[in-house]
PDB file of all heavy atoms in Angstrom:
ATOM      1  N   ASN A   1       4.802  -5.245   1.708  1.00  0.00           N
ATOM      2  CA  ASN A   1       3.687  -6.212   1.263  1.00  0.00           C
ATOM      3  C   ASN A   1       4.136  -7.683   1.385  1.00  0.00           C
ATOM      4  O   ASN A   1       5.295  -7.988   1.171  1.00  0.00           O
ATOM      5  CB  ASN A   1       3.232  -5.871  -0.104  1.00  0.00           C
ATOM      6  CG  ASN A   1       4.243  -6.121  -1.194  1.00  0.00           C
ATOM      7  OD1 ASN A   1       5.260  -5.328  -1.187  1.00  0.00           O
ATOM      8  ND2 ASN A   1       4.121  -7.018  -2.133  1.00  0.00           N
ATOM      9  N   ILE A   2       3.234  -8.523   1.682  1.00  0.00           N
ATOM     10  CA  ILE A   2       3.387 -10.011   1.846  1.00  0.00           C
ATOM     11  C   ILE A   2       2.319 -10.708   1.048  1.00  0.00           C
ATOM     12  O   ILE A   2       1.082 -10.398   1.270  1.00  0.00           O
ATOM     13  CB  ILE A   2       3.382 -10.451   3.328  1.00  0.00           C
ATOM     14  CG1 ILE A   2       4.407  -9.686   4.181  1.00  0.00           C
ATOM     15  CG2 ILE A   2       3.566 -11.946   3.406  1.00  0.00           C
ATOM     16  CD1 ILE A   2       4.368 -10.017   5.604  1.00  0.00           C
ATOM     17  N   PRO A   3       2.721 -11.635   0.107  1.00  0.00           N
ATOM     18  CA  PRO A   3       4.016 -12.020  -0.252  1.00  0.00           C
ATOM     19  C   PRO A   3       4.575 -11.049  -1.333  1.00  0.00           C
ATOM     20  O   PRO A   3       3.768 -10.210  -1.860  1.00  0.00           O
ATOM     21  CB  PRO A   3       3.851 -13.365  -0.819  1.00  0.00           C
ATOM     22  CG  PRO A   3       2.426 -13.431  -1.410  1.00  0.00           C
ATOM     23  CD  PRO A   3       1.659 -12.624  -0.469  1.00  0.00           C
ATOM     24  N   ASN A   4       5.824 -10.941  -1.451  1.00  0.00           N
ATOM     25  CA  ASN A   4       6.451 -10.125  -2.478  1.00  0.00           C
ATOM     26  C   ASN A   4       7.723 -10.875  -2.956  1.00  0.00           C
ATOM     27  O   ASN A   4       8.668 -11.132  -2.140  1.00  0.00           O
ATOM     28  CB  ASN A   4       6.858  -8.829  -1.816  1.00  0.00           C
ATOM     29  CG  ASN A   4       7.231  -7.745  -2.836  1.00  0.00           C
ATOM     30  OD1 ASN A   4       6.891  -7.868  -4.008  1.00  0.00           O
ATOM     31  ND2 ASN A   4       8.022  -6.844  -2.356  1.00  0.00           N
ATOM     32  N   PRO A   5       7.814 -11.273  -4.197  1.00  0.00           N
ATOM     33  CA  PRO A   5       6.834 -10.925  -5.328  1.00  0.00           C
ATOM     34  C   PRO A   5       5.517 -11.790  -5.087  1.00  0.00           C
ATOM     35  O   PRO A   5       5.524 -12.680  -4.304  1.00  0.00           O
ATOM     36  CB  PRO A   5       7.623 -11.516  -6.531  1.00  0.00           C
ATOM     37  CG  PRO A   5       8.977 -11.484  -6.160  1.00  0.00           C
ATOM     38  CD  PRO A   5       9.096 -11.827  -4.733  1.00  0.00           C
ATOM     39  N   PHE A   6       4.571 -11.413  -5.861  1.00  0.00           N
ATOM     40  CA  PHE A   6       3.241 -12.148  -5.776  1.00  0.00           C
ATOM     41  C   PHE A   6       2.672 -12.275  -7.045  1.00  0.00           C
ATOM     42  O   PHE A   6       3.041 -11.673  -8.111  1.00  0.00           O
ATOM     43  CB  PHE A   6       2.254 -11.366  -4.875  1.00  0.00           C
ATOM     44  CG  PHE A   6       1.738 -10.168  -5.510  1.00  0.00           C
ATOM     45  CD1 PHE A   6       0.501  -9.983  -6.058  1.00  0.00           C
ATOM     46  CD2 PHE A   6       2.536  -8.918  -5.468  1.00  0.00           C
ATOM     47  CE1 PHE A   6       0.032  -8.886  -6.633  1.00  0.00           C
ATOM     48  CE2 PHE A   6       2.052  -7.731  -6.084  1.00  0.00           C
ATOM     49  CZ  PHE A   6       0.748  -7.703  -6.671  1.00  0.00           C
ATOM     50  N   LYS A   7       1.676 -13.240  -7.200  1.00  0.00           N
ATOM     51  CA  LYS A   7       1.054 -13.500  -8.542  1.00  0.00           C
ATOM     52  C   LYS A   7      -0.434 -13.248  -8.402  1.00  0.00           C
ATOM     53  O   LYS A   7      -0.979 -12.627  -9.349  1.00  0.00           O
ATOM     54  CB  LYS A   7       1.250 -14.938  -8.826  1.00  0.00           C
ATOM     55  CG  LYS A   7       0.731 -15.378 -10.190  1.00  0.00           C
ATOM     56  CD  LYS A   7       1.044 -16.788 -10.571  1.00  0.00           C
ATOM     57  CE  LYS A   7       0.479 -17.170 -11.908  1.00  0.00           C
ATOM     58  NZ  LYS A   7       0.794 -18.620 -12.325  1.00  0.00           N
ATOM     59  N   GLU A   8      -1.179 -13.799  -7.368  1.00  0.00           N
ATOM     60  CA  GLU A   8      -2.568 -13.716  -7.309  1.00  0.00           C
ATOM     61  C   GLU A   8      -3.007 -12.507  -6.463  1.00  0.00           C
ATOM     62  O   GLU A   8      -3.833 -11.723  -6.893  1.00  0.00           O
ATOM     63  CB  GLU A   8      -3.271 -14.934  -6.766  1.00  0.00           C
ATOM     64  CG  GLU A   8      -3.094 -16.163  -7.681  1.00  0.00           C
ATOM     65  CD  GLU A   8      -3.684 -17.397  -7.185  1.00  0.00           C
ATOM     66  OE1 GLU A   8      -4.136 -17.404  -6.037  1.00  0.00           O
ATOM     67  OE2 GLU A   8      -3.742 -18.393  -7.919  1.00  0.00           O
ATOM     68  N   GLN A   9      -2.529 -12.383  -5.272  1.00  0.00           N
ATOM     69  CA  GLN A   9      -2.802 -11.211  -4.453  1.00  0.00           C
ATOM     70  C   GLN A   9      -1.726 -11.085  -3.411  1.00  0.00           C
ATOM     71  O   GLN A   9      -0.955 -11.906  -3.033  1.00  0.00           O
ATOM     72  CB  GLN A   9      -4.196 -11.309  -3.798  1.00  0.00           C
ATOM     73  CG  GLN A   9      -4.378 -12.502  -2.848  1.00  0.00           C
ATOM     74  CD  GLN A   9      -5.689 -12.541  -2.217  1.00  0.00           C
ATOM     75  OE1 GLN A   9      -5.750 -13.090  -1.054  1.00  0.00           O
ATOM     76  NE2 GLN A   9      -6.708 -12.035  -2.729  1.00  0.00           N
ATOM     77  N   THR A  10      -1.618  -9.849  -2.816  1.00  0.00           N
ATOM     78  CA  THR A  10      -0.636  -9.502  -1.821  1.00  0.00           C
ATOM     79  C   THR A  10      -1.361  -8.494  -0.766  1.00  0.00           C
ATOM     80  O   THR A  10      -2.282  -7.885  -1.151  1.00  0.00           O
ATOM     81  CB  THR A  10       0.654  -8.884  -2.329  1.00  0.00           C
ATOM     82  OG1 THR A  10       1.611  -8.690  -1.368  1.00  0.00           O
ATOM     83  CG2 THR A  10       0.304  -7.455  -3.040  1.00  0.00           C
ATOM     84  N   THR A  11      -0.795  -8.472   0.327  1.00  0.00           N
ATOM     85  CA  THR A  11      -1.441  -7.691   1.449  1.00  0.00           C
ATOM     86  C   THR A  11      -0.436  -6.629   1.883  1.00  0.00           C
ATOM     87  O   THR A  11       0.743  -6.925   2.280  1.00  0.00           O
ATOM     88  CB  THR A  11      -1.781  -8.498   2.674  1.00  0.00           C
ATOM     89  OG1 THR A  11      -2.677  -9.461   2.178  1.00  0.00           O
ATOM     90  CG2 THR A  11      -2.407  -7.775   3.742  1.00  0.00           C
ATOM     91  N   ILE A  12      -0.843  -5.325   1.901  1.00  0.00           N
ATOM     92  CA  ILE A  12       0.048  -4.182   2.446  1.00  0.00           C
ATOM     93  C   ILE A  12      -0.549  -3.890   3.741  1.00  0.00           C
ATOM     94  O   ILE A  12      -1.773  -3.443   3.948  1.00  0.00           O
ATOM     95  CB  ILE A  12      -0.160  -2.968   1.525  1.00  0.00           C
ATOM     96  CG1 ILE A  12       0.398  -3.404   0.018  1.00  0.00           C
ATOM     97  CG2 ILE A  12       0.690  -1.861   2.033  1.00  0.00           C
ATOM     98  CD1 ILE A  12       0.165  -2.213  -0.963  1.00  0.00           C
ATOM     99  N   SER A  13       0.284  -3.953   4.792  1.00  0.00           N
ATOM    100  CA  SER A  13      -0.068  -3.621   6.141  1.00  0.00           C
ATOM    101  C   SER A  13       0.390  -2.166   6.554  1.00  0.00           C
ATOM    102  O   SER A  13       1.476  -1.625   6.004  1.00  0.00           O
ATOM    103  CB  SER A  13       0.580  -4.569   7.114  1.00  0.00           C
ATOM    104  OG  SER A  13       0.002  -5.832   6.878  1.00  0.00           O
ATOM    105  N   PHE A  14      -0.275  -1.468   7.443  1.00  0.00           N
ATOM    106  CA  PHE A  14       0.105  -0.208   7.851  1.00  0.00           C
ATOM    107  C   PHE A  14      -0.424   0.105   9.192  1.00  0.00           C
ATOM    108  O   PHE A  14      -1.149  -0.657   9.799  1.00  0.00           O
ATOM    109  CB  PHE A  14      -0.554   0.823   6.868  1.00  0.00           C
ATOM    110  CG  PHE A  14      -1.962   0.514   6.541  1.00  0.00           C
ATOM    111  CD1 PHE A  14      -3.028   0.918   7.463  1.00  0.00           C
ATOM    112  CD2 PHE A  14      -2.452  -0.186   5.448  1.00  0.00           C
ATOM    113  CE1 PHE A  14      -4.344   0.733   7.211  1.00  0.00           C
ATOM    114  CE2 PHE A  14      -3.689  -0.419   5.086  1.00  0.00           C
ATOM    115  CZ  PHE A  14      -4.721   0.051   6.032  1.00  0.00           C
ATOM    116  N   PHE A  15      -0.058   1.239   9.743  1.00  0.00           N
ATOM    117  CA  PHE A  15      -0.513   1.826  11.019  1.00  0.00           C
ATOM    118  C   PHE A  15      -0.913   3.240  10.795  1.00  0.00           C
ATOM    119  O   PHE A  15      -0.188   4.049  10.315  1.00  0.00           O
ATOM    120  CB  PHE A  15       0.548   1.635  12.169  1.00  0.00           C
ATOM    121  CG  PHE A  15       0.039   2.353  13.374  1.00  0.00           C
ATOM    122  CD1 PHE A  15      -0.796   1.642  14.257  1.00  0.00           C
ATOM    123  CD2 PHE A  15       0.485   3.627  13.776  1.00  0.00           C
ATOM    124  CE1 PHE A  15      -1.226   2.345  15.463  1.00  0.00           C
ATOM    125  CE2 PHE A  15       0.011   4.251  14.911  1.00  0.00           C
ATOM    126  CZ  PHE A  15      -0.875   3.619  15.741  1.00  0.00           C
ATOM    127  N   ILE A  16      -2.176   3.599  11.141  1.00  0.00           N
ATOM    128  CA  ILE A  16      -2.764   4.932  10.921  1.00  0.00           C
ATOM    129  C   ILE A  16      -3.088   5.409  12.348  1.00  0.00           C
ATOM    130  O   ILE A  16      -3.961   4.803  13.029  1.00  0.00           O
ATOM    131  CB  ILE A  16      -3.954   4.950  10.071  1.00  0.00           C
ATOM    132  CG1 ILE A  16      -3.592   4.273   8.740  1.00  0.00           C
ATOM    133  CG2 ILE A  16      -4.412   6.408   9.836  1.00  0.00           C
ATOM    134  CD1 ILE A  16      -2.515   4.934   7.921  1.00  0.00           C
ATOM    135  N   PRO A  17      -2.530   6.629  12.823  1.00  0.00           N
ATOM    136  CA  PRO A  17      -2.935   7.112  14.110  1.00  0.00           C
ATOM    137  C   PRO A  17      -4.393   7.424  14.199  1.00  0.00           C
ATOM    138  O   PRO A  17      -5.025   7.778  13.130  1.00  0.00           O
ATOM    139  CB  PRO A  17      -2.100   8.362  14.305  1.00  0.00           C
ATOM    140  CG  PRO A  17      -0.975   8.115  13.343  1.00  0.00           C
ATOM    141  CD  PRO A  17      -1.500   7.486  12.183  1.00  0.00           C
ATOM    142  N   GLU A  18      -4.941   7.329  15.426  1.00  0.00           N
ATOM    143  CA  GLU A  18      -6.426   7.680  15.597  1.00  0.00           C
ATOM    144  C   GLU A  18      -6.646   9.114  15.247  1.00  0.00           C
ATOM    145  O   GLU A  18      -7.851   9.440  14.955  1.00  0.00           O
ATOM    146  CB  GLU A  18      -6.834   7.392  17.085  1.00  0.00           C
ATOM    147  CG  GLU A  18      -6.703   5.894  17.444  1.00  0.00           C
ATOM    148  CD  GLU A  18      -7.782   5.121  16.859  1.00  0.00           C
ATOM    149  OE1 GLU A  18      -8.789   5.677  16.387  1.00  0.00           O
ATOM    150  OE2 GLU A  18      -7.550   3.784  16.837  1.00  0.00           O
ATOM    151  N   THR A  19      -5.692  10.041  15.427  1.00  0.00           N
ATOM    152  CA  THR A  19      -5.970  11.416  15.188  1.00  0.00           C
ATOM    153  C   THR A  19      -5.842  11.898  13.643  1.00  0.00           C
ATOM    154  O   THR A  19      -6.173  12.979  13.397  1.00  0.00           O
ATOM    155  CB  THR A  19      -4.911  12.243  15.907  1.00  0.00           C
ATOM    156  OG1 THR A  19      -3.519  11.832  15.507  1.00  0.00           O
ATOM    157  CG2 THR A  19      -4.950  12.001  17.505  1.00  0.00           C
ATOM    158  N   ALA A  20      -5.489  10.892  12.868  1.00  0.00           N
ATOM    159  CA  ALA A  20      -5.368  11.159  11.478  1.00  0.00           C
ATOM    160  C   ALA A  20      -6.730  11.428  10.848  1.00  0.00           C
ATOM    161  O   ALA A  20      -7.703  10.683  11.118  1.00  0.00           O
ATOM    162  CB  ALA A  20      -4.736  10.057  10.713  1.00  0.00           C
ATOM    163  N   SER A  21      -6.898  12.442  10.020  1.00  0.00           N
ATOM    164  CA  SER A  21      -8.098  12.798   9.394  1.00  0.00           C
ATOM    165  C   SER A  21      -8.282  12.142   7.896  1.00  0.00           C
ATOM    166  O   SER A  21      -9.386  11.958   7.520  1.00  0.00           O
ATOM    167  CB  SER A  21      -8.364  14.318   9.206  1.00  0.00           C
ATOM    168  OG  SER A  21      -7.220  14.886   8.446  1.00  0.00           O
ATOM    169  N   GLY A  22      -7.249  11.801   7.380  1.00  0.00           N
ATOM    170  CA  GLY A  22      -7.220  11.167   6.007  1.00  0.00           C
ATOM    171  C   GLY A  22      -6.035  10.359   5.758  1.00  0.00           C
ATOM    172  O   GLY A  22      -4.902  10.722   6.143  1.00  0.00           O
ATOM    173  N   ALA A  23      -6.174   9.175   5.037  1.00  0.00           N
ATOM    174  CA  ALA A  23      -5.071   8.366   4.779  1.00  0.00           C
ATOM    175  C   ALA A  23      -5.469   7.569   3.510  1.00  0.00           C
ATOM    176  O   ALA A  23      -6.620   7.214   3.247  1.00  0.00           O
ATOM    177  CB  ALA A  23      -4.773   7.320   5.933  1.00  0.00           C
ATOM    178  N   SER A  24      -4.259   7.325   2.784  1.00  0.00           N
ATOM    179  CA  SER A  24      -4.528   6.583   1.457  1.00  0.00           C
ATOM    180  C   SER A  24      -3.204   5.922   1.073  1.00  0.00           C
ATOM    181  O   SER A  24      -2.236   6.402   1.424  1.00  0.00           O
ATOM    182  CB  SER A  24      -5.134   7.383   0.389  1.00  0.00           C
ATOM    183  OG  SER A  24      -4.264   8.484   0.195  1.00  0.00           O
ATOM    184  N   ILE A  25      -3.323   4.883   0.222  1.00  0.00           N
ATOM    185  CA  ILE A  25      -2.125   4.238  -0.421  1.00  0.00           C
ATOM    186  C   ILE A  25      -2.269   4.459  -1.921  1.00  0.00           C
ATOM    187  O   ILE A  25      -3.221   4.160  -2.532  1.00  0.00           O
ATOM    188  CB  ILE A  25      -2.040   2.770  -0.023  1.00  0.00           C
ATOM    189  CG1 ILE A  25      -1.834   2.537   1.432  1.00  0.00           C
ATOM    190  CG2 ILE A  25      -0.980   2.077  -0.878  1.00  0.00           C
ATOM    191  CD1 ILE A  25      -1.782   1.108   1.772  1.00  0.00           C
ATOM    192  N   HIS A  26      -1.128   4.891  -2.468  1.00  0.00           N
ATOM    193  CA  HIS A  26      -1.084   5.232  -3.849  1.00  0.00           C
ATOM    194  C   HIS A  26      -0.112   4.277  -4.591  1.00  0.00           C
ATOM    195  O   HIS A  26       1.079   4.114  -4.083  1.00  0.00           O
ATOM    196  CB  HIS A  26      -0.628   6.689  -4.190  1.00  0.00           C
ATOM    197  CG  HIS A  26      -1.631   7.701  -3.576  1.00  0.00           C
ATOM    198  ND1 HIS A  26      -2.620   8.357  -4.300  1.00  0.00           N
ATOM    199  CD2 HIS A  26      -1.803   7.959  -2.230  1.00  0.00           C
ATOM    200  CE1 HIS A  26      -3.266   9.132  -3.490  1.00  0.00           C
ATOM    201  NE2 HIS A  26      -2.819   9.005  -2.180  1.00  0.00           N
ATOM    202  N   ILE A  27      -0.450   3.640  -5.675  1.00  0.00           N
ATOM    203  CA  ILE A  27       0.430   2.730  -6.341  1.00  0.00           C
ATOM    204  C   ILE A  27       0.831   3.339  -7.708  1.00  0.00           C
ATOM    205  O   ILE A  27      -0.008   3.801  -8.459  1.00  0.00           O
ATOM    206  CB  ILE A  27      -0.344   1.317  -6.621  1.00  0.00           C
ATOM    207  CG1 ILE A  27      -0.770   0.786  -5.225  1.00  0.00           C
ATOM    208  CG2 ILE A  27       0.445   0.331  -7.275  1.00  0.00           C
ATOM    209  CD1 ILE A  27      -1.615  -0.515  -5.390  1.00  0.00           C
ATOM    210  N   TYR A  28       2.121   3.309  -7.956  1.00  0.00           N
ATOM    211  CA  TYR A  28       2.744   3.971  -9.208  1.00  0.00           C
ATOM    212  C   TYR A  28       3.429   2.906  -9.990  1.00  0.00           C
ATOM    213  O   TYR A  28       4.086   1.944  -9.428  1.00  0.00           O
ATOM    214  CB  TYR A  28       3.620   5.113  -8.855  1.00  0.00           C
ATOM    215  CG  TYR A  28       3.002   6.218  -7.932  1.00  0.00           C
ATOM    216  CD1 TYR A  28       3.103   6.085  -6.541  1.00  0.00           C
ATOM    217  CD2 TYR A  28       2.386   7.257  -8.524  1.00  0.00           C
ATOM    218  CE1 TYR A  28       2.519   7.045  -5.810  1.00  0.00           C
ATOM    219  CE2 TYR A  28       1.765   8.247  -7.683  1.00  0.00           C
ATOM    220  CZ  TYR A  28       1.795   8.088  -6.325  1.00  0.00           C
ATOM    221  OH  TYR A  28       1.347   9.057  -5.474  1.00  0.00           O
ATOM    222  N   ASN A  29       3.524   3.103 -11.333  1.00  0.00           N
ATOM    223  CA  ASN A  29       4.429   2.294 -12.080  1.00  0.00           C
ATOM    224  C   ASN A  29       5.689   2.986 -12.220  1.00  0.00           C
ATOM    225  O   ASN A  29       6.010   4.068 -11.512  1.00  0.00           O
ATOM    226  CB  ASN A  29       3.836   2.087 -13.527  1.00  0.00           C
ATOM    227  CG  ASN A  29       3.658   3.347 -14.265  1.00  0.00           C
ATOM    228  OD1 ASN A  29       4.266   4.368 -13.876  1.00  0.00           O
ATOM    229  ND2 ASN A  29       2.842   3.362 -15.310  1.00  0.00           N
ATOM    230  N   LEU A  30       6.778   2.462 -12.820  1.00  0.00           N
ATOM    231  CA  LEU A  30       8.151   2.884 -12.812  1.00  0.00           C
ATOM    232  C   LEU A  30       8.227   4.162 -13.498  1.00  0.00           C
ATOM    233  O   LEU A  30       9.223   4.967 -13.424  1.00  0.00           O
ATOM    234  CB  LEU A  30       9.092   1.813 -13.356  1.00  0.00           C
ATOM    235  CG  LEU A  30       9.223   0.597 -12.494  1.00  0.00           C
ATOM    236  CD1 LEU A  30      10.254  -0.217 -13.136  1.00  0.00           C
ATOM    237  CD2 LEU A  30       9.561   0.935 -11.022  1.00  0.00           C
ATOM    238  N   GLN A  31       7.192   4.526 -14.269  1.00  0.00           N
ATOM    239  CA  GLN A  31       7.257   5.861 -15.029  1.00  0.00           C
ATOM    240  C   GLN A  31       6.646   6.988 -14.214  1.00  0.00           C
ATOM    241  O   GLN A  31       6.553   8.135 -14.609  1.00  0.00           O
ATOM    242  CB  GLN A  31       6.455   5.766 -16.364  1.00  0.00           C
ATOM    243  CG  GLN A  31       7.160   4.985 -17.476  1.00  0.00           C
ATOM    244  CD  GLN A  31       7.180   3.441 -17.169  1.00  0.00           C
ATOM    245  OE1 GLN A  31       6.201   2.903 -16.716  1.00  0.00           O
ATOM    246  NE2 GLN A  31       8.380   2.875 -17.390  1.00  0.00           N
ATOM    247  N   GLY A  32       6.242   6.621 -12.972  1.00  0.00           N
ATOM    248  CA  GLY A  32       5.681   7.541 -12.018  1.00  0.00           C
ATOM    249  C   GLY A  32       4.212   7.876 -12.184  1.00  0.00           C
ATOM    250  O   GLY A  32       3.654   8.736 -11.493  1.00  0.00           O
ATOM    251  N   LYS A  33       3.472   7.044 -12.975  1.00  0.00           N
ATOM    252  CA  LYS A  33       2.103   7.280 -13.229  1.00  0.00           C
ATOM    253  C   LYS A  33       1.286   6.473 -12.164  1.00  0.00           C
ATOM    254  O   LYS A  33       1.594   5.330 -11.887  1.00  0.00           O
ATOM    255  CB  LYS A  33       1.654   6.753 -14.623  1.00  0.00           C
ATOM    256  CG  LYS A  33       0.276   6.922 -14.857  1.00  0.00           C
ATOM    257  CD  LYS A  33      -0.129   6.415 -16.297  1.00  0.00           C
ATOM    258  CE  LYS A  33      -1.607   6.468 -16.530  1.00  0.00           C
ATOM    259  NZ  LYS A  33      -1.955   5.962 -17.943  1.00  0.00           N
TER     260      LYS A  33
END
C-alpha cells in the first residue's frame, strides 16, 4: 500500500486475472481478527 505508514488514506494496488471468478482483500488486526 502507498503511502505506508498513512494517516488519512492509503491505496492498495493489485492485479486480478480476467479468468478469476471472485476476488477480495481482507484486513486483519494483529490478533488475527
